[in-house]
């Protein structure tokens, strides 16, 4: 039992950079930009008390927050793709629901990020309309 706990404690920390890479590619980033984003996410994961590393999981038991971090990049990428092109509502709904069920505040942060992106896009269109 301890083995499986350790594997599923370690697995989201390994999957988070890959999921971030895929999410950034869905948002239209070049491969190099996506690699830089994946590296940034992997450097942000530390042994903080809020569950972003193994020490945090053992300190406060925020096991599911680590899974929310791992899937956040995919959820954001699918959500942005759906907002931009109208494609991939299923992926956006599934990954967004997964993030929200893993940690409610991560679901709220996902909604705020998608909303802020849409507001920013509308403001940009208002200030400098497309030619």
N, C-alpha and C. Protein backbone atom coordinates (compact mmCIF):
# COMPACT_ATOMS: atom_id res chain seq x y z
N UNK A 1 0.82 -1.20 0.00
CA UNK A 1 0.00 0.00 0.00
C UNK A 1 0.86 1.26 0.00
N UNK A 2 1.94 1.23 0.78
CA UNK A 2 2.83 2.38 0.83
C UNK A 2 3.46 2.65 -0.53
N UNK A 3 3.77 1.58 -1.27
CA UNK A 3 4.36 1.74 -2.59
C UNK A 3 3.43 2.54 -3.51
N UNK A 4 2.15 2.18 -3.52
CA UNK A 4 1.21 2.86 -4.40
C UNK A 4 1.00 4.31 -3.97
N UNK A 5 0.98 4.56 -2.69
CA UNK A 5 0.87 5.94 -2.22
C UNK A 5 2.06 6.76 -2.70
N UNK A 6 3.25 6.19 -2.61
CA UNK A 6 4.43 6.91 -3.05
C UNK A 6 4.44 7.12 -4.55
N UNK A 7 3.99 6.13 -5.32
CA UNK A 7 3.93 6.28 -6.77
C UNK A 7 2.95 7.38 -7.16
N UNK A 8 1.76 7.35 -6.55
CA UNK A 8 0.75 8.34 -6.92
C UNK A 8 1.00 9.70 -6.27
N UNK A 9 1.95 9.77 -5.39
CA UNK A 9 2.42 11.04 -4.86
C UNK A 9 3.47 11.64 -5.79
N UNK A 10 4.24 10.80 -6.42
CA UNK A 10 5.33 11.21 -7.30
C UNK A 10 4.85 11.45 -8.73
N UNK A 11 3.88 10.68 -9.18
CA UNK A 11 3.42 10.71 -10.57
C UNK A 11 2.94 12.09 -11.04
N UNK A 12 2.11 12.81 -10.29
CA UNK A 12 1.68 14.12 -10.79
C UNK A 12 2.82 15.12 -10.92
N UNK A 13 3.85 14.98 -10.10
CA UNK A 13 4.99 15.88 -10.20
C UNK A 13 5.78 15.62 -11.48
N UNK A 14 5.73 14.40 -11.98
CA UNK A 14 6.38 14.08 -13.24
C UNK A 14 5.49 14.47 -14.42
N UNK A 15 4.18 14.31 -14.25
CA UNK A 15 3.26 14.60 -15.35
C UNK A 15 2.99 16.10 -15.54
N UNK A 16 3.17 16.91 -14.53
CA UNK A 16 2.85 18.34 -14.63
C UNK A 16 3.61 19.05 -15.74
N UNK A 17 4.93 18.88 -15.89
CA UNK A 17 5.60 19.56 -17.00
C UNK A 17 5.12 19.07 -18.38
N UNK A 18 4.86 17.78 -18.52
CA UNK A 18 4.37 17.25 -19.80
C UNK A 18 2.98 17.79 -20.11
N UNK A 19 2.13 17.86 -19.10
CA UNK A 19 0.78 18.40 -19.30
C UNK A 19 0.84 19.90 -19.62
N UNK A 20 1.75 20.60 -18.99
CA UNK A 20 1.91 22.02 -19.28
C UNK A 20 2.39 22.22 -20.71
N UNK A 21 3.33 21.41 -21.15
CA UNK A 21 3.81 21.49 -22.52
C UNK A 21 2.64 21.30 -23.49
N UNK A 22 1.83 20.27 -23.26
CA UNK A 22 0.70 19.99 -24.16
C UNK A 22 -0.33 21.11 -24.12
N UNK A 23 -0.59 21.64 -22.93
CA UNK A 23 -1.55 22.74 -22.81
C UNK A 23 -1.08 23.99 -23.54
N UNK A 24 0.21 24.30 -23.43
CA UNK A 24 0.74 25.47 -24.13
C UNK A 24 0.72 25.26 -25.65
N UNK A 25 0.96 24.05 -26.10
CA UNK A 25 0.88 23.78 -27.55
C UNK A 25 -0.56 23.93 -28.03
N UNK A 26 -1.54 23.54 -27.20
CA UNK A 26 -2.95 23.73 -27.57
C UNK A 26 -3.30 25.21 -27.68
N UNK A 27 -2.62 26.04 -26.88
CA UNK A 27 -2.89 27.48 -26.92
C UNK A 27 -2.15 28.18 -28.05
N UNK A 28 -1.36 27.44 -28.82
CA UNK A 28 -0.68 28.02 -29.97
C UNK A 28 0.77 28.40 -29.74
N UNK A 29 1.35 27.96 -28.66
CA UNK A 29 2.76 28.28 -28.40
C UNK A 29 3.65 27.44 -29.32
N UNK A 30 4.81 27.99 -29.64
CA UNK A 30 5.79 27.23 -30.41
C UNK A 30 6.38 26.16 -29.50
N UNK A 31 7.05 25.17 -30.08
CA UNK A 31 7.64 24.14 -29.22
C UNK A 31 8.62 24.69 -28.20
N UNK A 32 9.42 25.67 -28.57
CA UNK A 32 10.38 26.23 -27.62
C UNK A 32 9.69 26.99 -26.50
N UNK A 33 8.63 27.72 -26.83
CA UNK A 33 7.88 28.41 -25.79
C UNK A 33 7.23 27.41 -24.83
N UNK A 34 6.72 26.32 -25.38
CA UNK A 34 6.10 25.30 -24.54
C UNK A 34 7.12 24.61 -23.65
N UNK A 35 8.32 24.38 -24.16
CA UNK A 35 9.38 23.78 -23.33
C UNK A 35 9.74 24.74 -22.20
N UNK A 36 9.85 26.03 -22.51
CA UNK A 36 10.15 27.02 -21.46
C UNK A 36 9.06 27.05 -20.40
N UNK A 37 7.81 26.95 -20.81
CA UNK A 37 6.71 26.92 -19.85
C UNK A 37 6.75 25.67 -18.99
N UNK A 38 7.07 24.53 -19.59
CA UNK A 38 7.17 23.29 -18.83
C UNK A 38 8.31 23.35 -17.83
N UNK A 39 9.42 23.95 -18.23
CA UNK A 39 10.53 24.12 -17.30
C UNK A 39 10.14 25.05 -16.16
N UNK A 40 9.42 26.13 -16.48
CA UNK A 40 8.99 27.06 -15.44
C UNK A 40 8.08 26.37 -14.43
N UNK A 41 7.16 25.54 -14.90
CA UNK A 41 6.27 24.83 -13.98
C UNK A 41 7.06 23.86 -13.12
N UNK A 42 8.02 23.16 -13.71
CA UNK A 42 8.80 22.21 -12.92
C UNK A 42 9.67 22.93 -11.89
N UNK A 43 10.12 24.14 -12.19
CA UNK A 43 10.90 24.89 -11.21
C UNK A 43 10.02 25.48 -10.11
N UNK A 44 8.74 25.69 -10.41
CA UNK A 44 7.82 26.24 -9.40
C UNK A 44 7.40 25.18 -8.38
N UNK A 45 7.49 23.91 -8.74
CA UNK A 45 7.11 22.85 -7.82
C UNK A 45 8.21 22.70 -6.78
N UNK A 46 7.86 22.96 -5.58
CA UNK A 46 8.86 22.85 -4.52
C UNK A 46 8.25 22.09 -3.35
N UNK A 47 9.02 21.97 -2.32
CA UNK A 47 8.52 21.28 -1.14
C UNK A 47 7.86 22.29 -0.20
N UNK A 48 6.87 23.00 -0.71
CA UNK A 48 6.16 23.97 0.10
C UNK A 48 5.11 23.27 0.94
N UNK A 49 4.59 23.99 1.90
CA UNK A 49 3.57 23.39 2.76
C UNK A 49 2.20 23.34 2.11
N UNK A 50 2.06 23.86 0.90
CA UNK A 50 0.76 23.88 0.24
C UNK A 50 0.57 22.75 -0.75
N UNK A 51 1.40 21.73 -0.67
CA UNK A 51 1.13 20.53 -1.43
C UNK A 51 1.69 20.49 -2.83
N UNK A 52 2.67 21.32 -3.16
CA UNK A 52 3.24 21.27 -4.50
C UNK A 52 4.40 20.30 -4.60
N UNK A 53 4.71 19.64 -3.54
CA UNK A 53 5.79 18.65 -3.54
C UNK A 53 5.47 17.57 -2.54
N UNK A 54 6.34 16.62 -2.45
CA UNK A 54 6.06 15.49 -1.56
C UNK A 54 6.04 15.93 -0.10
N UNK A 55 6.90 16.87 0.27
CA UNK A 55 6.89 17.33 1.66
C UNK A 55 5.56 18.00 2.00
N UNK A 56 5.03 18.76 1.07
CA UNK A 56 3.75 19.42 1.32
C UNK A 56 2.61 18.43 1.47
N UNK A 57 2.65 17.35 0.69
CA UNK A 57 1.62 16.32 0.83
C UNK A 57 1.63 15.70 2.20
N UNK A 58 2.82 15.47 2.73
CA UNK A 58 2.90 14.83 4.05
C UNK A 58 2.62 15.83 5.17
N UNK A 59 2.87 17.11 4.95
CA UNK A 59 2.65 18.12 5.99
C UNK A 59 1.16 18.35 6.23
N UNK A 60 0.43 18.62 5.15
CA UNK A 60 -0.97 18.98 5.32
C UNK A 60 -1.93 18.03 4.61
N UNK A 61 -1.41 17.06 3.89
CA UNK A 61 -2.28 16.08 3.26
C UNK A 61 -3.01 16.60 2.04
N UNK A 62 -2.45 17.57 1.34
CA UNK A 62 -3.10 18.10 0.15
C UNK A 62 -2.70 17.28 -1.08
N UNK A 63 -3.01 16.01 -1.01
CA UNK A 63 -2.64 15.08 -2.07
C UNK A 63 -3.30 15.45 -3.39
N UNK A 64 -4.57 15.78 -3.36
CA UNK A 64 -5.28 16.07 -4.60
C UNK A 64 -4.88 17.41 -5.21
N UNK A 65 -4.32 18.31 -4.41
CA UNK A 65 -3.87 19.59 -4.97
C UNK A 65 -2.72 19.35 -5.95
N UNK A 66 -1.89 18.37 -5.70
CA UNK A 66 -0.81 18.06 -6.61
C UNK A 66 -1.36 17.54 -7.93
N UNK A 67 -2.43 16.76 -7.87
CA UNK A 67 -3.05 16.29 -9.11
C UNK A 67 -3.71 17.45 -9.85
N UNK A 68 -4.28 18.41 -9.13
CA UNK A 68 -4.86 19.58 -9.78
C UNK A 68 -3.77 20.39 -10.49
N UNK A 69 -2.61 20.52 -9.86
CA UNK A 69 -1.49 21.21 -10.50
C UNK A 69 -1.05 20.48 -11.76
N UNK A 70 -1.03 19.17 -11.72
CA UNK A 70 -0.61 18.39 -12.89
C UNK A 70 -1.55 18.58 -14.06
N UNK A 71 -2.85 18.66 -13.82
CA UNK A 71 -3.82 18.76 -14.90
C UNK A 71 -4.18 20.20 -15.27
N UNK A 72 -3.71 21.17 -14.51
CA UNK A 72 -4.10 22.57 -14.74
C UNK A 72 -3.68 23.05 -16.13
N UNK A 73 -2.49 22.71 -16.56
CA UNK A 73 -2.02 23.14 -17.88
C UNK A 73 -2.88 22.58 -19.00
N UNK A 74 -3.26 21.32 -18.90
CA UNK A 74 -4.14 20.72 -19.91
C UNK A 74 -5.51 21.38 -19.90
N UNK A 75 -6.04 21.61 -18.72
CA UNK A 75 -7.37 22.23 -18.62
C UNK A 75 -7.34 23.64 -19.20
N UNK A 76 -6.30 24.39 -18.90
CA UNK A 76 -6.18 25.74 -19.44
C UNK A 76 -6.01 25.73 -20.95
N UNK A 77 -5.21 24.81 -21.45
CA UNK A 77 -5.01 24.71 -22.90
C UNK A 77 -6.28 24.34 -23.63
N UNK A 78 -7.00 23.33 -23.15
CA UNK A 78 -8.25 22.92 -23.79
C UNK A 78 -9.31 24.02 -23.66
N UNK A 79 -9.36 24.68 -22.51
CA UNK A 79 -10.32 25.76 -22.34
C UNK A 79 -10.04 26.93 -23.26
N UNK A 80 -8.79 27.31 -23.38
CA UNK A 80 -8.43 28.41 -24.28
C UNK A 80 -8.71 28.05 -25.73
N UNK A 81 -8.45 26.81 -26.08
CA UNK A 81 -8.75 26.36 -27.45
C UNK A 81 -10.24 26.42 -27.72
N UNK A 82 -11.05 26.01 -26.76
CA UNK A 82 -12.49 26.07 -26.95
C UNK A 82 -12.97 27.51 -27.05
N UNK A 83 -12.44 28.41 -26.22
CA UNK A 83 -12.84 29.82 -26.27
C UNK A 83 -12.42 30.44 -27.61
N UNK A 84 -11.22 30.11 -28.09
CA UNK A 84 -10.71 30.70 -29.33
C UNK A 84 -11.40 30.17 -30.57
N UNK A 85 -11.49 28.85 -30.69
CA UNK A 85 -11.94 28.26 -31.95
C UNK A 85 -13.30 27.57 -31.87
N UNK A 86 -13.79 27.35 -30.67
CA UNK A 86 -15.05 26.64 -30.52
C UNK A 86 -14.89 25.13 -30.68
N UNK A 87 -13.66 24.64 -30.68
CA UNK A 87 -13.41 23.20 -30.82
C UNK A 87 -12.94 22.63 -29.49
N UNK A 88 -13.30 21.39 -29.24
CA UNK A 88 -12.78 20.69 -28.07
C UNK A 88 -13.51 20.99 -26.77
N UNK A 89 -14.81 21.18 -26.83
CA UNK A 89 -15.57 21.42 -25.60
C UNK A 89 -15.49 20.23 -24.66
N UNK A 90 -15.47 19.03 -25.20
CA UNK A 90 -15.39 17.84 -24.35
C UNK A 90 -14.11 17.80 -23.53
N UNK A 91 -12.99 18.04 -24.18
CA UNK A 91 -11.71 18.05 -23.47
C UNK A 91 -11.66 19.15 -22.43
N UNK A 92 -12.18 20.33 -22.79
CA UNK A 92 -12.19 21.44 -21.84
C UNK A 92 -13.06 21.11 -20.63
N UNK A 93 -14.21 20.50 -20.88
CA UNK A 93 -15.11 20.17 -19.78
C UNK A 93 -14.53 19.08 -18.88
N UNK A 94 -13.95 18.06 -19.48
CA UNK A 94 -13.41 16.94 -18.70
C UNK A 94 -12.22 17.40 -17.86
N UNK A 95 -11.25 18.07 -18.48
CA UNK A 95 -10.07 18.49 -17.73
C UNK A 95 -10.41 19.58 -16.72
N UNK A 96 -11.31 20.49 -17.07
CA UNK A 96 -11.72 21.52 -16.11
C UNK A 96 -12.44 20.93 -14.91
N UNK A 97 -13.29 19.95 -15.16
CA UNK A 97 -13.99 19.27 -14.07
C UNK A 97 -13.01 18.49 -13.20
N UNK A 98 -12.05 17.83 -13.82
CA UNK A 98 -11.05 17.09 -13.06
C UNK A 98 -10.27 18.03 -12.14
N UNK A 99 -9.84 19.16 -12.67
CA UNK A 99 -9.10 20.14 -11.86
C UNK A 99 -9.98 20.65 -10.72
N UNK A 100 -11.22 20.99 -11.02
CA UNK A 100 -12.13 21.49 -10.00
C UNK A 100 -12.45 20.47 -8.92
N UNK A 101 -12.56 19.20 -9.31
CA UNK A 101 -12.84 18.16 -8.32
C UNK A 101 -11.61 17.84 -7.48
N UNK A 102 -10.42 17.97 -8.08
CA UNK A 102 -9.20 17.72 -7.31
C UNK A 102 -9.01 18.78 -6.24
N UNK A 103 -9.23 20.02 -6.61
CA UNK A 103 -9.10 21.11 -5.63
C UNK A 103 -9.98 22.26 -6.07
N UNK A 104 -11.00 22.62 -5.29
CA UNK A 104 -11.95 23.66 -5.71
C UNK A 104 -11.29 25.00 -6.04
N UNK A 105 -10.27 25.38 -5.29
CA UNK A 105 -9.63 26.67 -5.58
C UNK A 105 -8.87 26.63 -6.90
N UNK A 106 -8.37 25.47 -7.30
CA UNK A 106 -7.74 25.35 -8.61
C UNK A 106 -8.79 25.50 -9.70
N UNK A 107 -9.99 24.98 -9.48
CA UNK A 107 -11.09 25.17 -10.44
C UNK A 107 -11.48 26.63 -10.55
N UNK A 108 -11.50 27.32 -9.42
CA UNK A 108 -11.80 28.75 -9.44
C UNK A 108 -10.70 29.50 -10.18
N UNK A 109 -9.45 29.15 -9.91
CA UNK A 109 -8.32 29.80 -10.59
C UNK A 109 -8.38 29.55 -12.09
N UNK A 110 -8.79 28.38 -12.50
CA UNK A 110 -8.94 28.08 -13.92
C UNK A 110 -10.00 28.97 -14.55
N UNK A 111 -11.13 29.11 -13.90
CA UNK A 111 -12.19 29.98 -14.41
C UNK A 111 -11.75 31.44 -14.47
N UNK A 112 -11.04 31.89 -13.45
CA UNK A 112 -10.54 33.27 -13.45
C UNK A 112 -9.54 33.47 -14.58
N UNK A 113 -8.66 32.49 -14.80
CA UNK A 113 -7.66 32.61 -15.86
C UNK A 113 -8.32 32.67 -17.24
N UNK A 114 -9.31 31.82 -17.47
CA UNK A 114 -10.00 31.85 -18.76
C UNK A 114 -10.80 33.14 -18.93
N UNK A 115 -11.45 33.58 -17.85
CA UNK A 115 -12.20 34.84 -17.92
C UNK A 115 -11.30 36.04 -18.15
N UNK A 116 -10.16 36.08 -17.46
CA UNK A 116 -9.22 37.20 -17.64
C UNK A 116 -8.65 37.20 -19.05
N UNK A 117 -8.39 36.03 -19.59
CA UNK A 117 -7.90 35.95 -20.96
C UNK A 117 -8.91 36.48 -21.95
N UNK A 118 -10.17 36.15 -21.73
CA UNK A 118 -11.22 36.64 -22.64
C UNK A 118 -11.42 38.14 -22.50
N UNK A 119 -11.38 38.65 -21.27
CA UNK A 119 -11.48 40.10 -21.07
C UNK A 119 -10.31 40.81 -21.73
N UNK A 120 -9.12 40.28 -21.56
CA UNK A 120 -7.95 40.87 -22.20
C UNK A 120 -8.05 40.88 -23.71
N UNK A 121 -8.58 39.82 -24.26
CA UNK A 121 -8.74 39.77 -25.72
C UNK A 121 -9.76 40.79 -26.20
N UNK A 122 -10.86 40.93 -25.47
CA UNK A 122 -11.88 41.91 -25.87
C UNK A 122 -11.36 43.34 -25.73
N UNK A 123 -10.60 43.62 -24.67
CA UNK A 123 -10.01 44.95 -24.50
C UNK A 123 -9.02 45.24 -25.63
N UNK A 124 -8.24 44.24 -26.00
CA UNK A 124 -7.29 44.43 -27.10
C UNK A 124 -8.01 44.72 -28.40
N UNK A 125 -9.10 44.03 -28.65
CA UNK A 125 -9.89 44.29 -29.87
C UNK A 125 -10.52 45.68 -29.85
N UNK A 126 -10.90 46.13 -28.66
CA UNK A 126 -11.52 47.44 -28.53
C UNK A 126 -10.48 48.55 -28.74
N UNK A 127 -9.28 48.37 -28.16
CA UNK A 127 -8.25 49.39 -28.29
C UNK A 127 -7.66 49.41 -29.71
N UNK A 128 -7.32 48.28 -30.23
CA UNK A 128 -6.73 48.19 -31.56
C UNK A 128 -7.52 47.19 -32.39
N UNK A 129 -8.60 47.63 -33.04
CA UNK A 129 -9.41 46.68 -33.81
C UNK A 129 -8.61 46.07 -34.96
N UNK A 130 -8.94 44.82 -35.30
CA UNK A 130 -8.22 44.17 -36.40
C UNK A 130 -8.45 44.91 -37.71
N UNK A 131 -7.43 44.89 -38.53
CA UNK A 131 -7.51 45.62 -39.81
C UNK A 131 -8.10 44.77 -40.89
